[in-house]
């Protein structure tokens, strides 16, 4: 399988920077980087919105879109499992 290009929305990058623990932030970034080589890893969950998935990293969730035709993984949101889904299915998210 060809590698995917990894893109992170500016709002998601801010959410990553807001993760309090340095070790947690590092693990989230490593998990995101692995999505470029394996966009549908074991444990990923397909969301109701077409092409959207999420993976867990500890208490954090990474919500992303896979664009297979363009070989792009676009990270949409990163956040605590309690907050990350609020409003995600109702509003437009991709560029």
PDB file of N, CA and C in Angstrom:
ATOM      1  N   UNK A   1       0.848  -1.178   0.000  1.00  0.00           N
ATOM      2  CA  UNK A   1       0.000   0.000   0.000  1.00  0.00           C
ATOM      3  C   UNK A   1       0.893   1.240   0.000  1.00  0.00           C
ATOM      4  N   UNK A   2       0.562   2.194  -0.825  1.00  0.00           N
ATOM      5  CA  UNK A   2       1.303   3.445  -0.879  1.00  0.00           C
ATOM      6  C   UNK A   2       1.046   4.251   0.389  1.00  0.00           C
ATOM      7  N   UNK A   3       2.034   5.031   0.800  1.00  0.00           N
ATOM      8  CA  UNK A   3       1.874   5.862   1.983  1.00  0.00           C
ATOM      9  C   UNK A   3       0.940   7.022   1.724  1.00  0.00           C
ATOM     10  N   UNK A   4       0.243   7.413   2.737  1.00  0.00           N
ATOM     11  CA  UNK A   4      -0.680   8.531   2.650  1.00  0.00           C
ATOM     12  C   UNK A   4       0.026   9.802   3.102  1.00  0.00           C
ATOM     13  N   UNK A   5      -0.407  10.906   2.553  1.00  0.00           N
ATOM     14  CA  UNK A   5       0.064  12.206   2.996  1.00  0.00           C
ATOM     15  C   UNK A   5      -0.736  12.585   4.242  1.00  0.00           C
ATOM     16  N   UNK A   6      -0.069  13.100   5.232  1.00  0.00           N
ATOM     17  CA  UNK A   6      -0.717  13.448   6.496  1.00  0.00           C
ATOM     18  C   UNK A   6      -0.891  14.957   6.570  1.00  0.00           C
ATOM     19  N   UNK A   7      -2.119  15.392   6.806  1.00  0.00           N
ATOM     20  CA  UNK A   7      -2.425  16.816   6.976  1.00  0.00           C
ATOM     21  C   UNK A   7      -3.172  17.002   8.275  1.00  0.00           C
ATOM     22  N   UNK A   8      -2.886  18.097   8.934  1.00  0.00           N
ATOM     23  CA  UNK A   8      -3.534  18.396  10.214  1.00  0.00           C
ATOM     24  C   UNK A   8      -4.148  19.785  10.119  1.00  0.00           C
ATOM     25  N   UNK A   9      -5.454  19.866  10.381  1.00  0.00           N
ATOM     26  CA  UNK A   9      -6.113  21.174  10.376  1.00  0.00           C
ATOM     27  C   UNK A   9      -5.470  22.052  11.449  1.00  0.00           C
ATOM     28  N   UNK A  10      -5.378  23.358  11.213  1.00  0.00           N
ATOM     29  CA  UNK A  10      -4.797  24.256  12.222  1.00  0.00           C
ATOM     30  C   UNK A  10      -5.500  24.158  13.581  1.00  0.00           C
ATOM     31  N   UNK A  11      -6.815  23.978  13.561  1.00  0.00           N
ATOM     32  CA  UNK A  11      -7.541  23.858  14.832  1.00  0.00           C
ATOM     33  C   UNK A  11      -7.140  22.572  15.563  1.00  0.00           C
ATOM     34  N   UNK A  12      -6.904  21.494  14.822  1.00  0.00           N
ATOM     35  CA  UNK A  12      -6.464  20.241  15.443  1.00  0.00           C
ATOM     36  C   UNK A  12      -5.045  20.389  15.989  1.00  0.00           C
ATOM     37  N   UNK A  13      -4.189  21.127  15.265  1.00  0.00           N
ATOM     38  CA  UNK A  13      -2.825  21.370  15.752  1.00  0.00           C
ATOM     39  C   UNK A  13      -2.870  22.128  17.079  1.00  0.00           C
ATOM     40  N   UNK A  14      -3.777  23.086  17.196  1.00  0.00           N
ATOM     41  CA  UNK A  14      -3.936  23.823  18.459  1.00  0.00           C
ATOM     42  C   UNK A  14      -4.416  22.908  19.574  1.00  0.00           C
ATOM     43  N   UNK A  15      -5.312  21.999  19.231  1.00  0.00           N
ATOM     44  CA  UNK A  15      -5.813  21.053  20.229  1.00  0.00           C
ATOM     45  C   UNK A  15      -4.693  20.133  20.717  1.00  0.00           C
ATOM     46  N   UNK A  16      -3.798  19.755  19.820  1.00  0.00           N
ATOM     47  CA  UNK A  16      -2.654  18.929  20.218  1.00  0.00           C
ATOM     48  C   UNK A  16      -1.761  19.707  21.168  1.00  0.00           C
ATOM     49  N   UNK A  17      -1.491  20.967  20.837  1.00  0.00           N
ATOM     50  CA  UNK A  17      -0.647  21.806  21.689  1.00  0.00           C
ATOM     51  C   UNK A  17      -1.258  22.027  23.066  1.00  0.00           C
ATOM     52  N   UNK A  18      -2.585  21.960  23.158  1.00  0.00           N
ATOM     53  CA  UNK A  18      -3.274  22.190  24.425  1.00  0.00           C
ATOM     54  C   UNK A  18      -3.270  20.970  25.348  1.00  0.00           C
ATOM     55  N   UNK A  19      -2.798  19.825  24.871  1.00  0.00           N
ATOM     56  CA  UNK A  19      -2.737  18.631  25.727  1.00  0.00           C
ATOM     57  C   UNK A  19      -1.723  18.900  26.833  1.00  0.00           C
ATOM     58  N   UNK A  20      -2.170  18.760  28.066  1.00  0.00           N
ATOM     59  CA  UNK A  20      -1.381  19.182  29.220  1.00  0.00           C
ATOM     60  C   UNK A  20      -0.091  18.389  29.412  1.00  0.00           C
ATOM     61  N   UNK A  21      -0.167  17.091  29.407  1.00  0.00           N
ATOM     62  CA  UNK A  21       1.011  16.285  29.696  1.00  0.00           C
ATOM     63  C   UNK A  21       1.903  16.111  28.481  1.00  0.00           C
ATOM     64  N   UNK A  22       3.197  16.349  28.652  1.00  0.00           N
ATOM     65  CA  UNK A  22       4.140  16.220  27.545  1.00  0.00           C
ATOM     66  C   UNK A  22       4.166  14.789  27.009  1.00  0.00           C
ATOM     67  N   UNK A  23       4.120  13.806  27.890  1.00  0.00           N
ATOM     68  CA  UNK A  23       4.134  12.401  27.469  1.00  0.00           C
ATOM     69  C   UNK A  23       2.859  12.061  26.692  1.00  0.00           C
ATOM     70  N   UNK A  24       1.714  12.555  27.162  1.00  0.00           N
ATOM     71  CA  UNK A  24       0.451  12.319  26.442  1.00  0.00           C
ATOM     72  C   UNK A  24       0.497  12.949  25.057  1.00  0.00           C
ATOM     73  N   UNK A  25       0.996  14.168  24.982  1.00  0.00           N
ATOM     74  CA  UNK A  25       1.086  14.872  23.711  1.00  0.00           C
ATOM     75  C   UNK A  25       1.998  14.106  22.744  1.00  0.00           C
ATOM     76  N   UNK A  26       3.121  13.598  23.236  1.00  0.00           N
ATOM     77  CA  UNK A  26       4.048  12.841  22.403  1.00  0.00           C
ATOM     78  C   UNK A  26       3.394  11.564  21.869  1.00  0.00           C
ATOM     79  N   UNK A  27       2.647  10.860  22.731  1.00  0.00           N
ATOM     80  CA  UNK A  27       1.969   9.634  22.293  1.00  0.00           C
ATOM     81  C   UNK A  27       0.893   9.931  21.243  1.00  0.00           C
ATOM     82  N   UNK A  28       0.163  11.031  21.403  1.00  0.00           N
ATOM     83  CA  UNK A  28      -0.856  11.413  20.422  1.00  0.00           C
ATOM     84  C   UNK A  28      -0.197  11.724  19.076  1.00  0.00           C
ATOM     85  N   UNK A  29       0.902  12.465  19.092  1.00  0.00           N
ATOM     86  CA  UNK A  29       1.606  12.810  17.854  1.00  0.00           C
ATOM     87  C   UNK A  29       2.136  11.542  17.178  1.00  0.00           C
ATOM     88  N   UNK A  30       2.695  10.625  17.950  1.00  0.00           N
ATOM     89  CA  UNK A  30       3.198   9.371  17.373  1.00  0.00           C
ATOM     90  C   UNK A  30       2.063   8.567  16.750  1.00  0.00           C
ATOM     91  N   UNK A  31       0.906   8.558  17.412  1.00  0.00           N
ATOM     92  CA  UNK A  31      -0.254   7.835  16.873  1.00  0.00           C
ATOM     93  C   UNK A  31      -0.709   8.453  15.559  1.00  0.00           C
ATOM     94  N   UNK A  32      -0.714   9.778  15.493  1.00  0.00           N
ATOM     95  CA  UNK A  32      -1.099  10.481  14.262  1.00  0.00           C
ATOM     96  C   UNK A  32      -0.106  10.165  13.146  1.00  0.00           C
ATOM     97  N   UNK A  33       1.180  10.173  13.450  1.00  0.00           N
ATOM     98  CA  UNK A  33       2.197   9.888  12.437  1.00  0.00           C
ATOM     99  C   UNK A  33       2.034   8.483  11.857  1.00  0.00           C
ATOM    100  N   UNK A  34       1.627   7.528  12.668  1.00  0.00           N
ATOM    101  CA  UNK A  34       1.432   6.153  12.187  1.00  0.00           C
ATOM    102  C   UNK A  34       0.249   6.049  11.220  1.00  0.00           C
ATOM    103  N   UNK A  35      -0.686   6.999  11.273  1.00  0.00           N
ATOM    104  CA  UNK A  35      -1.831   6.975  10.358  1.00  0.00           C
ATOM    105  C   UNK A  35      -1.408   7.139   8.901  1.00  0.00           C
ATOM    106  N   UNK A  36      -0.264   7.771   8.654  1.00  0.00           N
ATOM    107  CA  UNK A  36       0.203   7.957   7.282  1.00  0.00           C
ATOM    108  C   UNK A  36       0.530   6.621   6.618  1.00  0.00           C
ATOM    109  N   UNK A  37       1.037   5.674   7.387  1.00  0.00           N
ATOM    110  CA  UNK A  37       1.378   4.374   6.804  1.00  0.00           C
ATOM    111  C   UNK A  37       0.242   3.367   6.932  1.00  0.00           C
ATOM    112  N   UNK A  38      -0.620   3.573   7.916  1.00  0.00           N
ATOM    113  CA  UNK A  38      -1.754   2.668   8.119  1.00  0.00           C
ATOM    114  C   UNK A  38      -2.974   3.471   8.555  1.00  0.00           C
ATOM    115  N   UNK A  39      -3.743   4.004   7.596  1.00  0.00           N
ATOM    116  CA  UNK A  39      -4.857   4.883   7.944  1.00  0.00           C
ATOM    117  C   UNK A  39      -6.038   4.184   8.630  1.00  0.00           C
ATOM    118  N   UNK A  40      -6.120   2.882   8.504  1.00  0.00           N
ATOM    119  CA  UNK A  40      -7.194   2.131   9.167  1.00  0.00           C
ATOM    120  C   UNK A  40      -6.579   1.077  10.090  1.00  0.00           C
ATOM    121  N   UNK A  41      -5.943   1.528  11.171  1.00  0.00           N
ATOM    122  CA  UNK A  41      -5.282   0.570  12.057  1.00  0.00           C
ATOM    123  C   UNK A  41      -6.298  -0.245  12.847  1.00  0.00           C
ATOM    124  N   UNK A  42      -5.828  -1.305  13.433  1.00  0.00           N
ATOM    125  CA  UNK A  42      -6.676  -2.109  14.304  1.00  0.00           C
ATOM    126  C   UNK A  42      -7.207  -1.210  15.417  1.00  0.00           C
ATOM    127  N   UNK A  43      -8.482  -1.298  15.669  1.00  0.00           N
ATOM    128  CA  UNK A  43      -9.099  -0.486  16.711  1.00  0.00           C
ATOM    129  C   UNK A  43      -9.704   0.819  16.228  1.00  0.00           C
ATOM    130  N   UNK A  44      -9.509   1.177  14.960  1.00  0.00           N
ATOM    131  CA  UNK A  44     -10.134   2.409  14.467  1.00  0.00           C
ATOM    132  C   UNK A  44     -11.636   2.157  14.324  1.00  0.00           C
ATOM    133  N   UNK A  45     -12.397   3.219  14.459  1.00  0.00           N
ATOM    134  CA  UNK A  45     -13.853   3.121  14.372  1.00  0.00           C
ATOM    135  C   UNK A  45     -14.335   4.070  13.286  1.00  0.00           C
ATOM    136  N   UNK A  46     -15.148   3.554  12.375  1.00  0.00           N
ATOM    137  CA  UNK A  46     -15.746   4.384  11.337  1.00  0.00           C
ATOM    138  C   UNK A  46     -16.894   5.166  11.957  1.00  0.00           C
ATOM    139  N   UNK A  47     -16.909   6.460  11.749  1.00  0.00           N
ATOM    140  CA  UNK A  47     -17.961   7.313  12.297  1.00  0.00           C
ATOM    141  C   UNK A  47     -19.117   7.413  11.301  1.00  0.00           C
ATOM    142  N   UNK A  48     -20.213   7.982  11.752  1.00  0.00           N
ATOM    143  CA  UNK A  48     -21.417   8.085  10.922  1.00  0.00           C
ATOM    144  C   UNK A  48     -21.193   8.966   9.692  1.00  0.00           C
ATOM    145  N   UNK A  49     -20.332   9.938   9.800  1.00  0.00           N
ATOM    146  CA  UNK A  49     -20.063  10.826   8.671  1.00  0.00           C
ATOM    147  C   UNK A  49     -19.156  10.116   7.672  1.00  0.00           C
ATOM    148  N   UNK A  50     -19.478  10.165   6.409  1.00  0.00           N
ATOM    149  CA  UNK A  50     -18.773   9.458   5.341  1.00  0.00           C
ATOM    150  C   UNK A  50     -17.275   9.757   5.343  1.00  0.00           C
ATOM    151  N   UNK A  51     -16.466   8.710   5.426  1.00  0.00           N
ATOM    152  CA  UNK A  51     -15.019   8.836   5.336  1.00  0.00           C
ATOM    153  C   UNK A  51     -14.326   9.238   6.626  1.00  0.00           C
ATOM    154  N   UNK A  52     -15.074   9.406   7.716  1.00  0.00           N
ATOM    155  CA  UNK A  52     -14.488   9.832   8.977  1.00  0.00           C
ATOM    156  C   UNK A  52     -14.265   8.643   9.898  1.00  0.00           C
ATOM    157  N   UNK A  53     -13.122   8.682  10.597  1.00  0.00           N
ATOM    158  CA  UNK A  53     -12.737   7.621  11.518  1.00  0.00           C
ATOM    159  C   UNK A  53     -12.220   8.246  12.804  1.00  0.00           C
ATOM    160  N   UNK A  54     -12.060   7.392  13.812  1.00  0.00           N
ATOM    161  CA  UNK A  54     -11.419   7.849  15.037  1.00  0.00           C
ATOM    162  C   UNK A  54     -10.578   6.716  15.592  1.00  0.00           C
ATOM    163  N   UNK A  55      -9.496   7.111  16.248  1.00  0.00           N
ATOM    164  CA  UNK A  55      -8.657   6.168  16.975  1.00  0.00           C
ATOM    165  C   UNK A  55      -8.479   6.702  18.379  1.00  0.00           C
ATOM    166  N   UNK A  56      -8.219   5.785  19.281  1.00  0.00           N
ATOM    167  CA  UNK A  56      -8.004   6.142  20.683  1.00  0.00           C
ATOM    168  C   UNK A  56      -6.515   6.196  20.976  1.00  0.00           C
ATOM    169  N   UNK A  57      -6.136   7.119  21.810  1.00  0.00           N
ATOM    170  CA  UNK A  57      -4.797   7.144  22.382  1.00  0.00           C
ATOM    171  C   UNK A  57      -4.966   7.578  23.827  1.00  0.00           C
ATOM    172  N   UNK A  58      -5.057   6.572  24.698  1.00  0.00           N
ATOM    173  CA  UNK A  58      -5.327   6.862  26.101  1.00  0.00           C
ATOM    174  C   UNK A  58      -6.698   7.491  26.235  1.00  0.00           C
ATOM    175  N   UNK A  59      -6.774   8.610  26.931  1.00  0.00           N
ATOM    176  CA  UNK A  59      -8.062   9.277  27.110  1.00  0.00           C
ATOM    177  C   UNK A  59      -8.406  10.215  25.952  1.00  0.00           C
ATOM    178  N   UNK A  60      -7.520  10.308  24.990  1.00  0.00           N
ATOM    179  CA  UNK A  60      -7.718  11.207  23.860  1.00  0.00           C
ATOM    180  C   UNK A  60      -8.242  10.460  22.642  1.00  0.00           C
ATOM    181  N   UNK A  61      -8.982  11.199  21.808  1.00  0.00           N
ATOM    182  CA  UNK A  61      -9.505  10.657  20.572  1.00  0.00           C
ATOM    183  C   UNK A  61      -8.985  11.509  19.423  1.00  0.00           C
ATOM    184  N   UNK A  62      -8.629  10.844  18.353  1.00  0.00           N
ATOM    185  CA  UNK A  62      -8.158  11.506  17.150  1.00  0.00           C
ATOM    186  C   UNK A  62      -9.194  11.230  16.064  1.00  0.00           C
ATOM    187  N   UNK A  63      -9.847  12.273  15.597  1.00  0.00           N
ATOM    188  CA  UNK A  63     -10.869  12.141  14.561  1.00  0.00           C
ATOM    189  C   UNK A  63     -10.240  12.617  13.259  1.00  0.00           C
ATOM    190  N   UNK A  64     -10.364  11.787  12.228  1.00  0.00           N
ATOM    191  CA  UNK A  64      -9.712  12.105  10.965  1.00  0.00           C
ATOM    192  C   UNK A  64     -10.535  11.617   9.787  1.00  0.00           C
ATOM    193  N   UNK A  65     -10.214  12.183   8.632  1.00  0.00           N
ATOM    194  CA  UNK A  65     -10.881  11.821   7.392  1.00  0.00           C
ATOM    195  C   UNK A  65      -9.861  11.149   6.486  1.00  0.00           C
ATOM    196  N   UNK A  66     -10.286  10.083   5.816  1.00  0.00           N
ATOM    197  CA  UNK A  66      -9.423   9.403   4.854  1.00  0.00           C
ATOM    198  C   UNK A  66      -9.934   9.723   3.460  1.00  0.00           C
ATOM    199  N   UNK A  67      -9.060  10.269   2.640  1.00  0.00           N
ATOM    200  CA  UNK A  67      -9.387  10.556   1.240  1.00  0.00           C
ATOM    201  C   UNK A  67      -8.559   9.595   0.383  1.00  0.00           C
ATOM    202  N   UNK A  68      -9.120   8.425   0.132  1.00  0.00           N
ATOM    203  CA  UNK A  68      -8.394   7.373  -0.568  1.00  0.00           C
ATOM    204  C   UNK A  68      -7.987   7.774  -1.980  1.00  0.00           C
ATOM    205  N   UNK A  69      -8.832   8.487  -2.696  1.00  0.00           N
ATOM    206  CA  UNK A  69      -8.529   8.868  -4.078  1.00  0.00           C
ATOM    207  C   UNK A  69      -7.294   9.770  -4.149  1.00  0.00           C
ATOM    208  N   UNK A  70      -7.083  10.573  -3.111  1.00  0.00           N
ATOM    209  CA  UNK A  70      -5.958  11.510  -3.085  1.00  0.00           C
ATOM    210  C   UNK A  70      -4.814  11.027  -2.199  1.00  0.00           C
ATOM    211  N   UNK A  71      -5.002   9.882  -1.519  1.00  0.00           N
ATOM    212  CA  UNK A  71      -4.028   9.340  -0.562  1.00  0.00           C
ATOM    213  C   UNK A  71      -3.684  10.371   0.518  1.00  0.00           C
ATOM    214  N   UNK A  72      -4.742  10.900   1.150  1.00  0.00           N
ATOM    215  CA  UNK A  72      -4.583  11.907   2.200  1.00  0.00           C
ATOM    216  C   UNK A  72      -5.308  11.449   3.461  1.00  0.00           C
ATOM    217  N   UNK A  73      -4.651  11.643   4.608  1.00  0.00           N
ATOM    218  CA  UNK A  73      -5.284  11.501   5.913  1.00  0.00           C
ATOM    219  C   UNK A  73      -5.314  12.910   6.497  1.00  0.00           C
ATOM    220  N   UNK A  74      -6.523  13.412   6.762  1.00  0.00           N
ATOM    221  CA  UNK A  74      -6.697  14.761   7.296  1.00  0.00           C
ATOM    222  C   UNK A  74      -7.184  14.661   8.741  1.00  0.00           C
ATOM    223  N   UNK A  75      -6.361  15.105   9.681  1.00  0.00           N
ATOM    224  CA  UNK A  75      -6.740  15.090  11.095  1.00  0.00           C
ATOM    225  C   UNK A  75      -7.649  16.286  11.345  1.00  0.00           C
ATOM    226  N   UNK A  76      -8.856  15.982  11.846  1.00  0.00           N
ATOM    227  CA  UNK A  76      -9.896  16.994  12.023  1.00  0.00           C
ATOM    228  C   UNK A  76      -9.928  17.533  13.455  1.00  0.00           C
ATOM    229  N   UNK A  77      -9.944  16.635  14.416  1.00  0.00           N
ATOM    230  CA  UNK A  77     -10.042  17.024  15.834  1.00  0.00           C
ATOM    231  C   UNK A  77      -9.192  16.097  16.673  1.00  0.00           C
ATOM    232  N   UNK A  78      -8.686  16.621  17.755  1.00  0.00           N
ATOM    233  CA  UNK A  78      -7.968  15.849  18.757  1.00  0.00           C
ATOM    234  C   UNK A  78      -8.420  16.381  20.099  1.00  0.00           C
ATOM    235  N   UNK A  79      -8.884  15.480  20.964  1.00  0.00           N
ATOM    236  CA  UNK A  79      -9.325  15.966  22.255  1.00  0.00           C
ATOM    237  C   UNK A  79      -9.678  14.867  23.217  1.00  0.00           C
ATOM    238  N   UNK A  80     -10.033  15.288  24.402  1.00  0.00           N
ATOM    239  CA  UNK A  80     -10.457  14.372  25.451  1.00  0.00           C
ATOM    240  C   UNK A  80     -11.704  13.622  24.996  1.00  0.00           C
ATOM    241  N   UNK A  81     -11.799  12.395  25.386  1.00  0.00           N
ATOM    242  CA  UNK A  81     -12.909  11.546  24.937  1.00  0.00           C
ATOM    243  C   UNK A  81     -14.273  12.119  25.283  1.00  0.00           C
ATOM    244  N   UNK A  82     -14.364  12.981  26.289  1.00  0.00           N
ATOM    245  CA  UNK A  82     -15.659  13.555  26.675  1.00  0.00           C
ATOM    246  C   UNK A  82     -16.109  14.661  25.739  1.00  0.00           C
ATOM    247  N   UNK A  83     -15.173  15.360  25.101  1.00  0.00           N
ATOM    248  CA  UNK A  83     -15.518  16.564  24.349  1.00  0.00           C
ATOM    249  C   UNK A  83     -15.379  16.455  22.841  1.00  0.00           C
ATOM    250  N   UNK A  84     -14.629  15.514  22.357  1.00  0.00           N
ATOM    251  CA  UNK A  84     -14.177  15.538  20.966  1.00  0.00           C
ATOM    252  C   UNK A  84     -15.312  15.419  19.951  1.00  0.00           C
ATOM    253  N   UNK A  85     -16.403  14.796  20.296  1.00  0.00           N
ATOM    254  CA  UNK A  85     -17.473  14.568  19.322  1.00  0.00           C
ATOM    255  C   UNK A  85     -18.518  15.670  19.267  1.00  0.00           C
ATOM    256  N   UNK A  86     -18.468  16.622  20.170  1.00  0.00           N
ATOM    257  CA  UNK A  86     -19.496  17.668  20.218  1.00  0.00           C
ATOM    258  C   UNK A  86     -19.537  18.449  18.917  1.00  0.00           C
ATOM    259  N   UNK A  87     -20.673  18.341  18.233  1.00  0.00           N
ATOM    260  CA  UNK A  87     -20.892  19.098  17.008  1.00  0.00           C
ATOM    261  C   UNK A  87     -20.161  18.587  15.786  1.00  0.00           C
ATOM    262  N   UNK A  88     -19.448  17.496  15.896  1.00  0.00           N
ATOM    263  CA  UNK A  88     -18.609  17.044  14.780  1.00  0.00           C
ATOM    264  C   UNK A  88     -19.404  16.555  13.590  1.00  0.00           C
ATOM    265  N   UNK A  89     -20.562  15.982  13.821  1.00  0.00           N
ATOM    266  CA  UNK A  89     -21.329  15.438  12.705  1.00  0.00           C
ATOM    267  C   UNK A  89     -22.249  16.481  12.073  1.00  0.00           C
ATOM    268  N   UNK A  90     -22.427  17.612  12.717  1.00  0.00           N
ATOM    269  CA  UNK A  90     -23.386  18.602  12.233  1.00  0.00           C
ATOM    270  C   UNK A  90     -22.755  19.677  11.349  1.00  0.00           C
ATOM    271  N   UNK A  91     -21.480  19.981  11.565  1.00  0.00           N
ATOM    272  CA  UNK A  91     -20.892  21.103  10.837  1.00  0.00           C
ATOM    273  C   UNK A  91     -19.892  20.634   9.787  1.00  0.00           C
ATOM    274  N   UNK A  92     -19.647  21.442   8.767  1.00  0.00           N
ATOM    275  CA  UNK A  92     -18.644  21.082   7.761  1.00  0.00           C
ATOM    276  C   UNK A  92     -17.246  21.151   8.377  1.00  0.00           C
ATOM    277  N   UNK A  93     -16.405  20.162   8.085  1.00  0.00           N
ATOM    278  CA  UNK A  93     -15.102  20.083   8.737  1.00  0.00           C
ATOM    279  C   UNK A  93     -13.915  20.124   7.795  1.00  0.00           C
ATOM    280  N   UNK A  94     -14.051  19.628   6.607  1.00  0.00           N
ATOM    281  CA  UNK A  94     -12.896  19.537   5.709  1.00  0.00           C
ATOM    282  C   UNK A  94     -12.722  20.774   4.856  1.00  0.00           C
ATOM    283  N   UNK A  95     -11.490  20.990   4.373  1.00  0.00           N
ATOM    284  CA  UNK A  95     -11.269  22.145   3.486  1.00  0.00           C
ATOM    285  C   UNK A  95     -11.782  21.881   2.090  1.00  0.00           C
TER     286      UNK A  95
END
